[in-house]
Every structure is written in C-alpha cells, then in structure tokens.
C-alpha cells in the first residue's frame, strides 16, 4: 500500500505531473459520481471533498452549487497546486493534510464526497466514525470506489499479461480495492453510525491512451510506466526484461483500442449513506 508519506512526497508528485493522464483515465468515474452527487447536494451549507487530488470532484460540485461552501482536502501539496490552478474562479478552499485531522475542524458538514479517496484508512471504522461526528444530522456521504480487482479490466488484464499473481484477500487492507465487498462496506458504514447505505454498481470507460495525433499505444505505455499496477514491475525489471514486458503490454493495448484510444473498463461502486436525522 502507498502510505501517507509517499503521497506527501514522490507519489503525490508523480500524480501531479501526470494529472492530465490520470484525469482522463478517471473521467468516466467522475461523470457517474458527479451526477450522483448532483442529486444529493444541498443548495447551500458546507461540503468537503475527501482526498480531492487535482480537484475535479470539488470543482464540479462548486460549479453545480454556487452557494455551497466547498472545501477539498489532500495529503499532496503538488496535487493541490494543480487543483488551485484549475480553480480559476476561486470557488473552492483546498487544504493540505490528513482528512481525519482536518475534517473535524470543518464541522458541521452537510455533504461529504470522495472520488476513490476513502479506501486508505488504517482503521476504516474509526475513520468513518470521525466523518460521521463531523456531519450534521441528515448529512449525505457519497463516494466512489472500485469493485473487485478481477472485474476491473484496467488492472486484471495487466496482471494477466505481466504474470502478476496477487495474494488472496485475507481481510481489510487499505488500497484501491479495499471496498470491493458490498457486505463489508455496508456493515462498516452502519457500525460507524451511517444509515440507509446504498451501493450502486457502474461499469465505465478507463481511457489510458488517447490524444489528438498521439500514438495510443505509446500513450498507454507512458501512463502505465508511472501510474497503476504495472509501474513498479516495469521500474524494477532489468532493461532487457522491461522491453519484453512492454512489448507484451503493447500487444494487450492493441486489443483495447476503441475510437482511437486504448480503453479499458473500470468496475465501480457509487456508495451513498446518511447521518441519521435527530429524533424530535
């Protein structure tokens, strides 16, 4: 698992440098999540984007609800620098720090959202309990997360191509697929004080090679050299072996070209839960 120190340093810097590619890859996720948030978001009050990264979810929410006070929190200052540069109208307050340290100071919150940013708590029960205590009665929590790794072609196909064998899931482990199991997430949120937990499955495009005039296979390789399940494997391979692995990836990418872009599928949940309303 990538730890907080890495996000504050090297990993966060890489994601900031690659934000155009990562935002393209996650655009399908964002479109589904933003639509779901728009149904739930109040016209005014206070909202926070947890693990906001380059700011896409927070900025979309602020544009949809101009009277809503929107903040974004992330560990990575380089990613927040990107987010602030994208916020040309200064609609969002972006804060560097650990979500669980910062959120209590923003209470009371009417809406808490996250695009794939809440699967990394060391203690998820404590984490979601802290979020619950920071929410007003009736507040909405809505976030996206990946379903099972095997359902996510963008990761599973690379594992198979590179011969990566992943250990069987032995329980909760922070990471991209930590919330794949519906029963686990429903029980977790309920025990943490959230109610009416709902999880809707979606399959969306995950585009990793595109761009006007660009070679989609070369673009996909450039992406996966730095981001995702192949990056560490390629980085650790010796030169000759790396060339063979990249050739195999190139063959895989060629089978995924659609409308001029290397397009995989991402299988996600959109999770919605509520802070219980006070009893009169």
C-alpha atoms as a PDB file:
ATOM      1  CA  UNK A   1       0.000   0.000   0.000  1.00  0.00           C
ATOM      2  CA  UNK A   2       1.144   3.555  -0.716  1.00  0.00           C
ATOM      3  CA  UNK A   3       1.471   5.296   2.644  1.00  0.00           C
ATOM      4  CA  UNK A   4       0.804   8.890   3.651  1.00  0.00           C
ATOM      5  CA  UNK A   5       4.474   9.864   3.461  1.00  0.00           C
ATOM      6  CA  UNK A   6       4.636   8.690  -0.156  1.00  0.00           C
ATOM      7  CA  UNK A   7       1.541  10.704  -1.080  1.00  0.00           C
ATOM      8  CA  UNK A   8       3.069  13.765   0.565  1.00  0.00           C
ATOM      9  CA  UNK A   9       6.241  13.153  -1.443  1.00  0.00           C
ATOM     10  CA  UNK A  10       7.149  11.107  -4.502  1.00  0.00           C
ATOM     11  CA  UNK A  11       3.784   9.503  -5.333  1.00  0.00           C
ATOM     12  CA  UNK A  12       1.830  12.720  -4.930  1.00  0.00           C
ATOM     13  CA  UNK A  13       4.381  14.484  -7.118  1.00  0.00           C
ATOM     14  CA  UNK A  14       4.050  11.819  -9.821  1.00  0.00           C
ATOM     15  CA  UNK A  15       0.265  12.064  -9.812  1.00  0.00           C
ATOM     16  CA  UNK A  16       0.526  15.854 -10.061  1.00  0.00           C
ATOM     17  CA  UNK A  17       2.892  15.584 -13.029  1.00  0.00           C
ATOM     18  CA  UNK A  18       0.598  13.021 -14.664  1.00  0.00           C
ATOM     19  CA  UNK A  19      -2.685  14.699 -13.727  1.00  0.00           C
ATOM     20  CA  UNK A  20      -3.806  15.157 -17.338  1.00  0.00           C
ATOM     21  CA  UNK A  21      -3.498  11.408 -17.949  1.00  0.00           C
ATOM     22  CA  UNK A  22      -4.991  10.363 -14.603  1.00  0.00           C
ATOM     23  CA  UNK A  23      -7.935  12.744 -15.014  1.00  0.00           C
ATOM     24  CA  UNK A  24      -8.579  11.289 -18.470  1.00  0.00           C
ATOM     25  CA  UNK A  25      -8.466   7.754 -17.069  1.00  0.00           C
ATOM     26  CA  UNK A  26     -10.882   8.631 -14.269  1.00  0.00           C
ATOM     27  CA  UNK A  27     -13.214  10.817 -16.319  1.00  0.00           C
ATOM     28  CA  UNK A  28     -15.770   8.025 -16.627  1.00  0.00           C
ATOM     29  CA  UNK A  29     -15.734   7.512 -12.868  1.00  0.00           C
ATOM     30  CA  UNK A  30     -16.078  11.242 -12.330  1.00  0.00           C
ATOM     31  CA  UNK A  31     -19.037  11.601 -14.664  1.00  0.00           C
ATOM     32  CA  UNK A  32     -21.033   8.927 -12.814  1.00  0.00           C
ATOM     33  CA  UNK A  33     -20.058  10.224  -9.374  1.00  0.00           C
ATOM     34  CA  UNK A  34     -20.715  13.892 -10.215  1.00  0.00           C
ATOM     35  CA  UNK A  35     -24.185  13.003 -11.492  1.00  0.00           C
ATOM     36  CA  UNK A  36     -24.953  11.121  -8.275  1.00  0.00           C
ATOM     37  CA  UNK A  37     -23.629  13.987  -6.145  1.00  0.00           C
ATOM     38  CA  UNK A  38     -25.767  16.487  -8.045  1.00  0.00           C
ATOM     39  CA  UNK A  39     -28.881  14.577  -6.965  1.00  0.00           C
ATOM     40  CA  UNK A  40     -27.860  14.751  -3.287  1.00  0.00           C
ATOM     41  CA  UNK A  41     -26.074  18.089  -2.907  1.00  0.00           C
ATOM     42  CA  UNK A  42     -27.840  20.838  -0.941  1.00  0.00           C
ATOM     43  CA  UNK A  43     -28.081  24.321  -2.412  1.00  0.00           C
ATOM     44  CA  UNK A  44     -26.106  25.788   0.472  1.00  0.00           C
ATOM     45  CA  UNK A  45     -24.222  24.790   3.587  1.00  0.00           C
ATOM     46  CA  UNK A  46     -20.780  23.170   3.785  1.00  0.00           C
ATOM     47  CA  UNK A  47     -19.296  20.322   1.758  1.00  0.00           C
ATOM     48  CA  UNK A  48     -15.904  18.621   1.665  1.00  0.00           C
ATOM     49  CA  UNK A  49     -14.131  16.501  -0.962  1.00  0.00           C
ATOM     50  CA  UNK A  50     -12.069  13.850   0.832  1.00  0.00           C
ATOM     51  CA  UNK A  51      -8.753  13.065  -0.874  1.00  0.00           C
ATOM     52  CA  UNK A  52      -9.538  15.629  -3.552  1.00  0.00           C
ATOM     53  CA  UNK A  53      -6.398  15.148  -5.653  1.00  0.00           C
ATOM     54  CA  UNK A  54      -6.325  17.524  -8.610  1.00  0.00           C
ATOM     55  CA  UNK A  55      -9.734  18.879  -7.608  1.00  0.00           C
ATOM     56  CA  UNK A  56     -12.118  17.590 -10.274  1.00  0.00           C
ATOM     57  CA  UNK A  57     -14.915  16.490  -7.931  1.00  0.00           C
ATOM     58  CA  UNK A  58     -14.738  19.579  -5.731  1.00  0.00           C
ATOM     59  CA  UNK A  59     -14.707  21.893  -8.746  1.00  0.00           C
ATOM     60  CA  UNK A  60     -17.669  20.132 -10.369  1.00  0.00           C
ATOM     61  CA  UNK A  61     -19.631  20.387  -7.127  1.00  0.00           C
ATOM     62  CA  UNK A  62     -18.793  24.067  -6.676  1.00  0.00           C
ATOM     63  CA  UNK A  63     -19.913  24.803 -10.244  1.00  0.00           C
ATOM     64  CA  UNK A  64     -23.184  22.917  -9.735  1.00  0.00           C
ATOM     65  CA  UNK A  65     -23.934  24.547  -6.355  1.00  0.00           C
ATOM     66  CA  UNK A  66     -22.580  28.125  -6.374  1.00  0.00           C
ATOM     67  CA  UNK A  67     -23.992  28.903  -2.896  1.00  0.00           C
ATOM     68  CA  UNK A  68     -22.488  25.795  -1.295  1.00  0.00           C
ATOM     69  CA  UNK A  69     -19.212  26.256   0.618  1.00  0.00           C
ATOM     70  CA  UNK A  70     -16.887  23.611  -0.850  1.00  0.00           C
ATOM     71  CA  UNK A  71     -13.504  22.530   0.509  1.00  0.00           C
ATOM     72  CA  UNK A  72     -11.066  19.889  -0.707  1.00  0.00           C
ATOM     73  CA  UNK A  73      -8.506  18.028   1.399  1.00  0.00           C
ATOM     74  CA  UNK A  74      -5.490  16.066   0.191  1.00  0.00           C
ATOM     75  CA  UNK A  75      -2.142  14.904   1.533  1.00  0.00           C
ATOM     76  CA  UNK A  76      -0.260  16.016  -1.580  1.00  0.00           C
ATOM     77  CA  UNK A  77       0.708  19.666  -1.862  1.00  0.00           C
ATOM     78  CA  UNK A  78       1.772  19.210  -5.526  1.00  0.00           C
ATOM     79  CA  UNK A  79      -1.703  17.867  -6.362  1.00  0.00           C
ATOM     80  CA  UNK A  80      -3.301  20.768  -4.503  1.00  0.00           C
ATOM     81  CA  UNK A  81      -1.153  23.179  -6.502  1.00  0.00           C
ATOM     82  CA  UNK A  82      -2.706  21.691  -9.644  1.00  0.00           C
ATOM     83  CA  UNK A  83      -6.190  21.914  -8.113  1.00  0.00           C
ATOM     84  CA  UNK A  84      -5.764  25.566  -7.161  1.00  0.00           C
ATOM     85  CA  UNK A  85      -4.521  26.425 -10.659  1.00  0.00           C
ATOM     86  CA  UNK A  86      -7.640  24.802 -12.141  1.00  0.00           C
ATOM     87  CA  UNK A  87      -9.908  26.758  -9.784  1.00  0.00           C
ATOM     88  CA  UNK A  88      -9.896  29.920 -11.880  1.00  0.00           C
ATOM     89  CA  UNK A  89     -12.896  31.399 -10.047  1.00  0.00           C
ATOM     90  CA  UNK A  90     -11.535  30.627  -6.557  1.00  0.00           C
ATOM     91  CA  UNK A  91     -14.687  28.741  -5.637  1.00  0.00           C
ATOM     92  CA  UNK A  92     -13.026  26.018  -3.538  1.00  0.00           C
ATOM     93  CA  UNK A  93     -10.806  26.110  -0.467  1.00  0.00           C
ATOM     94  CA  UNK A  94      -8.085  23.478  -0.858  1.00  0.00           C
ATOM     95  CA  UNK A  95      -6.362  22.299   2.328  1.00  0.00           C
ATOM     96  CA  UNK A  96      -3.270  20.115   2.714  1.00  0.00           C
ATOM     97  CA  UNK A  97      -3.407  17.474   5.419  1.00  0.00           C
ATOM     98  CA  UNK A  98      -4.774  14.166   6.608  1.00  0.00           C
ATOM     99  CA  UNK A  99      -8.546  14.021   6.120  1.00  0.00           C
ATOM    100  CA  UNK A 100      -9.163  12.739   9.646  1.00  0.00           C
ATOM    101  CA  UNK A 101      -7.119  15.571  11.152  1.00  0.00           C
ATOM    102  CA  UNK A 102      -8.676  18.327   9.056  1.00  0.00           C
ATOM    103  CA  UNK A 103     -12.357  17.359   8.779  1.00  0.00           C
ATOM    104  CA  UNK A 104     -13.296  17.851  12.469  1.00  0.00           C
ATOM    105  CA  UNK A 105     -12.250  21.491  12.177  1.00  0.00           C
ATOM    106  CA  UNK A 106     -14.648  21.941   9.253  1.00  0.00           C
ATOM    107  CA  UNK A 107     -17.664  20.603  11.149  1.00  0.00           C
ATOM    108  CA  UNK A 108     -20.602  20.750  10.895  1.00  0.00           C
ATOM    109  CA  UNK A 109     -20.710  19.410   7.327  1.00  0.00           C
ATOM    110  CA  UNK A 110     -23.813  18.949   5.178  1.00  0.00           C
ATOM    111  CA  UNK A 111     -22.164  16.852   2.450  1.00  0.00           C
ATOM    112  CA  UNK A 112     -19.050  14.666   2.297  1.00  0.00           C
ATOM    113  CA  UNK A 113     -17.894  13.364  -1.086  1.00  0.00           C
ATOM    114  CA  UNK A 114     -14.920  11.489  -2.487  1.00  0.00           C
ATOM    115  CA  UNK A 115     -13.779  10.105  -5.822  1.00  0.00           C
ATOM    116  CA  UNK A 116     -11.836   6.992  -4.832  1.00  0.00           C
ATOM    117  CA  UNK A 117     -10.253   8.715  -1.840  1.00  0.00           C
ATOM    118  CA  UNK A 118     -11.582   6.877   1.220  1.00  0.00           C
ATOM    119  CA  UNK A 119     -10.257   3.318   0.766  1.00  0.00           C
ATOM    120  CA  UNK A 120      -6.988   4.015   2.570  1.00  0.00           C
ATOM    121  CA  UNK A 121      -7.841   4.492   6.251  1.00  0.00           C
ATOM    122  CA  UNK A 122      -5.648   2.369   8.516  1.00  0.00           C
ATOM    123  CA  UNK A 123      -8.724   1.890  10.711  1.00  0.00           C
ATOM    124  CA  UNK A 124     -11.782   2.392   8.494  1.00  0.00           C
ATOM    125  CA  UNK A 125     -14.277   2.127  11.357  1.00  0.00           C
ATOM    126  CA  UNK A 126     -12.517   4.897  13.253  1.00  0.00           C
ATOM    127  CA  UNK A 127     -12.191   6.895  10.038  1.00  0.00           C
ATOM    128  CA  UNK A 128     -15.845   6.792   9.064  1.00  0.00           C
ATOM    129  CA  UNK A 129     -16.861   7.372  12.684  1.00  0.00           C
ATOM    130  CA  UNK A 130     -14.822  10.579  12.678  1.00  0.00           C
ATOM    131  CA  UNK A 131     -16.516  11.648   9.452  1.00  0.00           C
ATOM    132  CA  UNK A 132     -19.919  10.867  10.961  1.00  0.00           C
ATOM    133  CA  UNK A 133     -19.223  13.005  14.033  1.00  0.00           C
ATOM    134  CA  UNK A 134     -18.308  15.892  11.735  1.00  0.00           C
ATOM    135  CA  UNK A 135     -21.611  15.714   9.829  1.00  0.00           C
ATOM    136  CA  UNK A 136     -24.910  17.408  10.643  1.00  0.00           C
ATOM    137  CA  UNK A 137     -27.974  15.257  11.222  1.00  0.00           C
ATOM    138  CA  UNK A 138     -29.265  14.187   7.811  1.00  0.00           C
ATOM    139  CA  UNK A 139     -25.983  14.933   6.009  1.00  0.00           C
ATOM    140  CA  UNK A 140     -25.050  12.832   2.975  1.00  0.00           C
ATOM    141  CA  UNK A 141     -21.869  10.821   2.431  1.00  0.00           C
ATOM    142  CA  UNK A 142     -21.318   9.806  -1.189  1.00  0.00           C
ATOM    143  CA  UNK A 143     -18.202   8.296  -2.707  1.00  0.00           C
ATOM    144  CA  UNK A 144     -16.933   6.047  -5.472  1.00  0.00           C
ATOM    145  CA  UNK A 145     -14.640   3.051  -5.067  1.00  0.00           C
ATOM    146  CA  UNK A 146     -13.552   0.080  -7.169  1.00  0.00           C
ATOM    147  CA  UNK A 147     -15.362  -3.225  -7.150  1.00  0.00           C
ATOM    148  CA  UNK A 148     -13.293  -6.445  -7.187  1.00  0.00           C
ATOM    149  CA  UNK A 149      -9.940  -6.374  -8.945  1.00  0.00           C
ATOM    150  CA  UNK A 150     -10.997  -9.214 -11.256  1.00  0.00           C
ATOM    151  CA  UNK A 151     -13.891  -7.098 -12.516  1.00  0.00           C
ATOM    152  CA  UNK A 152     -11.583  -4.185 -13.340  1.00  0.00           C
ATOM    153  CA  UNK A 153     -10.081  -4.832 -16.758  1.00  0.00           C
ATOM    154  CA  UNK A 154      -7.630  -1.921 -16.404  1.00  0.00           C
ATOM    155  CA  UNK A 155      -5.880  -3.856 -13.602  1.00  0.00           C
ATOM    156  CA  UNK A 156      -6.761  -7.536 -14.106  1.00  0.00           C
ATOM    157  CA  UNK A 157      -5.729  -7.599 -17.776  1.00  0.00           C
ATOM    158  CA  UNK A 158      -2.337  -6.139 -16.886  1.00  0.00           C
ATOM    159  CA  UNK A 159      -1.847  -8.657 -14.089  1.00  0.00           C
ATOM    160  CA  UNK A 160      -2.531 -11.500 -16.509  1.00  0.00           C
ATOM    161  CA  UNK A 161      -0.282 -10.048 -19.209  1.00  0.00           C
ATOM    162  CA  UNK A 162       2.637  -9.458 -16.852  1.00  0.00           C
ATOM    163  CA  UNK A 163       2.179 -12.702 -14.919  1.00  0.00           C
ATOM    164  CA  UNK A 164       1.476 -10.904 -11.645  1.00  0.00           C
ATOM    165  CA  UNK A 165      -0.158 -13.166  -9.046  1.00  0.00           C
ATOM    166  CA  UNK A 166      -1.991 -11.236  -6.364  1.00  0.00           C
ATOM    167  CA  UNK A 167      -2.394 -12.811  -2.908  1.00  0.00           C
ATOM    168  CA  UNK A 168      -5.890 -13.820  -1.873  1.00  0.00           C
ATOM    169  CA  UNK A 169      -7.766 -11.209   0.116  1.00  0.00           C
ATOM    170  CA  UNK A 170      -7.328 -12.050   3.781  1.00  0.00           C
ATOM    171  CA  UNK A 171      -9.488  -9.229   5.147  1.00  0.00           C
ATOM    172  CA  UNK A 172      -9.387  -5.464   5.024  1.00  0.00           C
ATOM    173  CA  UNK A 173      -6.214  -3.970   3.622  1.00  0.00           C
ATOM    174  CA  UNK A 174      -6.072  -0.285   2.688  1.00  0.00           C
ATOM    175  CA  UNK A 175      -5.797   0.158  -1.068  1.00  0.00           C
ATOM    176  CA  UNK A 176      -7.699   0.655  -4.324  1.00  0.00           C
ATOM    177  CA  UNK A 177      -9.825  -2.495  -3.940  1.00  0.00           C
ATOM    178  CA  UNK A 178     -10.373  -2.372  -0.185  1.00  0.00           C
ATOM    179  CA  UNK A 179     -14.108  -1.686  -0.524  1.00  0.00           C
ATOM    180  CA  UNK A 180     -14.929  -4.216  -3.220  1.00  0.00           C
ATOM    181  CA  UNK A 181     -17.255  -6.263  -0.999  1.00  0.00           C
ATOM    182  CA  UNK A 182     -20.765  -4.828  -0.641  1.00  0.00           C
ATOM    183  CA  UNK A 183     -21.477  -6.586   2.660  1.00  0.00           C
ATOM    184  CA  UNK A 184     -18.235  -5.391   4.238  1.00  0.00           C
ATOM    185  CA  UNK A 185     -18.831  -1.759   3.259  1.00  0.00           C
ATOM    186  CA  UNK A 186     -22.477  -1.769   4.322  1.00  0.00           C
ATOM    187  CA  UNK A 187     -21.605  -3.227   7.721  1.00  0.00           C
ATOM    188  CA  UNK A 188     -18.630  -0.886   8.139  1.00  0.00           C
ATOM    189  CA  UNK A 189     -20.619   2.279   7.473  1.00  0.00           C
ATOM    190  CA  UNK A 190     -23.546   1.130   9.587  1.00  0.00           C
ATOM    191  CA  UNK A 191     -21.291   0.374  12.566  1.00  0.00           C
ATOM    192  CA  UNK A 192     -19.666   3.783  12.107  1.00  0.00           C
ATOM    193  CA  UNK A 193     -23.032   5.476  12.560  1.00  0.00           C
ATOM    194  CA  UNK A 194     -24.198   5.988   8.979  1.00  0.00           C
ATOM    195  CA  UNK A 195     -27.644   4.856   7.863  1.00  0.00           C
ATOM    196  CA  UNK A 196     -29.524   3.796   4.710  1.00  0.00           C
ATOM    197  CA  UNK A 197     -26.323   2.626   2.990  1.00  0.00           C
ATOM    198  CA  UNK A 198     -26.836   2.146  -0.760  1.00  0.00           C
ATOM    199  CA  UNK A 199     -24.275   0.808  -3.256  1.00  0.00           C
ATOM    200  CA  UNK A 200     -24.899   1.102  -6.981  1.00  0.00           C
ATOM    201  CA  UNK A 201     -22.604  -0.735  -9.457  1.00  0.00           C
ATOM    202  CA  UNK A 202     -21.385   1.000 -12.605  1.00  0.00           C
ATOM    203  CA  UNK A 203     -19.053  -0.034 -15.421  1.00  0.00           C
ATOM    204  CA  UNK A 204     -17.279   2.905 -17.037  1.00  0.00           C
ATOM    205  CA  UNK A 205     -14.545   3.526 -19.589  1.00  0.00           C
ATOM    206  CA  UNK A 206     -10.988   3.822 -18.306  1.00  0.00           C
ATOM    207  CA  UNK A 207      -9.045   5.556 -21.076  1.00  0.00           C
ATOM    208  CA  UNK A 208      -5.258   5.317 -20.840  1.00  0.00           C
ATOM    209  CA  UNK A 209      -4.082   6.092 -24.364  1.00  0.00           C
ATOM    210  CA  UNK A 210      -5.544   8.920 -26.406  1.00  0.00           C
ATOM    211  CA  UNK A 211      -4.908  12.413 -27.623  1.00  0.00           C
ATOM    212  CA  UNK A 212      -5.011  14.262 -30.892  1.00  0.00           C
ATOM    213  CA  UNK A 213      -2.252  12.960 -33.145  1.00  0.00           C
ATOM    214  CA  UNK A 214      -0.836  10.739 -30.397  1.00  0.00           C
ATOM    215  CA  UNK A 215       0.060   7.079 -30.715  1.00  0.00           C
ATOM    216  CA  UNK A 216      -2.466   5.482 -28.337  1.00  0.00           C
ATOM    217  CA  UNK A 217      -0.230   2.531 -27.503  1.00  0.00           C
ATOM    218  CA  UNK A 218       2.733   4.783 -26.722  1.00  0.00           C
ATOM    219  CA  UNK A 219       0.442   6.986 -24.626  1.00  0.00           C
ATOM    220  CA  UNK A 220      -0.861   3.978 -22.696  1.00  0.00           C
ATOM    221  CA  UNK A 221       2.684   2.776 -22.032  1.00  0.00           C
ATOM    222  CA  UNK A 222       3.685   6.233 -20.813  1.00  0.00           C
ATOM    223  CA  UNK A 223       0.742   6.171 -18.407  1.00  0.00           C
ATOM    224  CA  UNK A 224       1.363   2.689 -17.019  1.00  0.00           C
ATOM    225  CA  UNK A 225       5.094   3.254 -16.599  1.00  0.00           C
ATOM    226  CA  UNK A 226       4.248   5.771 -13.867  1.00  0.00           C
ATOM    227  CA  UNK A 227       0.703   5.036 -12.660  1.00  0.00           C
ATOM    228  CA  UNK A 228      -1.105   1.815 -11.759  1.00  0.00           C
ATOM    229  CA  UNK A 229      -0.344  -1.889 -11.335  1.00  0.00           C
ATOM    230  CA  UNK A 230       2.473  -2.152 -13.887  1.00  0.00           C
ATOM    231  CA  UNK A 231       4.583   0.804 -12.751  1.00  0.00           C
ATOM    232  CA  UNK A 232       6.587  -0.924 -10.016  1.00  0.00           C
ATOM    233  CA  UNK A 233       7.011  -4.101 -12.094  1.00  0.00           C
ATOM    234  CA  UNK A 234       8.429  -2.161 -15.030  1.00  0.00           C
ATOM    235  CA  UNK A 235      10.606   0.028 -12.824  1.00  0.00           C
ATOM    236  CA  UNK A 236      12.172  -2.982 -11.082  1.00  0.00           C
ATOM    237  CA  UNK A 237      12.786  -5.043 -14.250  1.00  0.00           C
ATOM    238  CA  UNK A 238      16.193  -5.108 -15.901  1.00  0.00           C
ATOM    239  CA  UNK A 239      16.446  -3.349 -19.260  1.00  0.00           C
ATOM    240  CA  UNK A 240      16.034  -6.433 -21.453  1.00  0.00           C
ATOM    241  CA  UNK A 241      13.180  -7.846 -19.401  1.00  0.00           C
ATOM    242  CA  UNK A 242      11.457  -4.462 -19.296  1.00  0.00           C
ATOM    243  CA  UNK A 243      11.487  -4.298 -23.081  1.00  0.00           C
ATOM    244  CA  UNK A 244       9.825  -7.725 -23.271  1.00  0.00           C
ATOM    245  CA  UNK A 245       7.184  -6.744 -20.715  1.00  0.00           C
ATOM    246  CA  UNK A 246       6.429  -3.528 -22.556  1.00  0.00           C
ATOM    247  CA  UNK A 247       6.112  -5.423 -25.835  1.00  0.00           C
ATOM    248  CA  UNK A 248       3.541  -7.695 -24.194  1.00  0.00           C
ATOM    249  CA  UNK A 249       1.698  -4.695 -22.860  1.00  0.00           C
ATOM    250  CA  UNK A 250       1.742  -3.136 -26.317  1.00  0.00           C
ATOM    251  CA  UNK A 251       0.074  -6.259 -27.711  1.00  0.00           C
ATOM    252  CA  UNK A 252      -2.576  -6.039 -24.980  1.00  0.00           C
ATOM    253  CA  UNK A 253      -3.198  -2.360 -25.631  1.00  0.00           C
ATOM    254  CA  UNK A 254      -3.679  -3.042 -29.333  1.00  0.00           C
ATOM    255  CA  UNK A 255      -6.662  -5.260 -28.454  1.00  0.00           C
ATOM    256  CA  UNK A 256      -8.234  -2.469 -26.392  1.00  0.00           C
ATOM    257  CA  UNK A 257      -8.170   0.340 -28.958  1.00  0.00           C
ATOM    258  CA  UNK A 258     -11.602   1.852 -29.387  1.00  0.00           C
ATOM    259  CA  UNK A 259     -12.307   5.075 -31.265  1.00  0.00           C
ATOM    260  CA  UNK A 260      -8.579   5.741 -31.475  1.00  0.00           C
ATOM    261  CA  UNK A 261      -7.922   5.317 -27.748  1.00  0.00           C
ATOM    262  CA  UNK A 262      -6.744   2.480 -25.508  1.00  0.00           C
ATOM    263  CA  UNK A 263      -9.874   1.931 -23.445  1.00  0.00           C
ATOM    264  CA  UNK A 264     -10.284  -0.494 -20.568  1.00  0.00           C
ATOM    265  CA  UNK A 265     -13.259  -0.931 -18.241  1.00  0.00           C
ATOM    266  CA  UNK A 266     -13.421   0.178 -14.620  1.00  0.00           C
ATOM    267  CA  UNK A 267     -15.970  -1.525 -12.367  1.00  0.00           C
ATOM    268  CA  UNK A 268     -17.008   0.759  -9.512  1.00  0.00           C
ATOM    269  CA  UNK A 269     -19.467   1.290  -6.714  1.00  0.00           C
ATOM    270  CA  UNK A 270     -21.133   4.602  -6.007  1.00  0.00           C
ATOM    271  CA  UNK A 271     -21.871   4.477  -2.285  1.00  0.00           C
ATOM    272  CA  UNK A 272     -24.393   6.709  -0.552  1.00  0.00           C
ATOM    273  CA  UNK A 273     -25.138   6.882   3.175  1.00  0.00           C
ATOM    274  CA  UNK A 274     -26.691   9.362   5.571  1.00  0.00           C
ATOM    275  CA  UNK A 275     -26.085  10.729   9.040  1.00  0.00           C
ATOM    276  CA  UNK A 276     -29.245   9.773  10.933  1.00  0.00           C
ATOM    277  CA  UNK A 277     -31.693  12.608  11.478  1.00  0.00           C
ATOM    278  CA  UNK A 278     -32.279  13.718  15.002  1.00  0.00           C
ATOM    279  CA  UNK A 279     -35.432  12.421  16.630  1.00  0.00           C
ATOM    280  CA  UNK A 280     -37.765  15.334  17.559  1.00  0.00           C
END
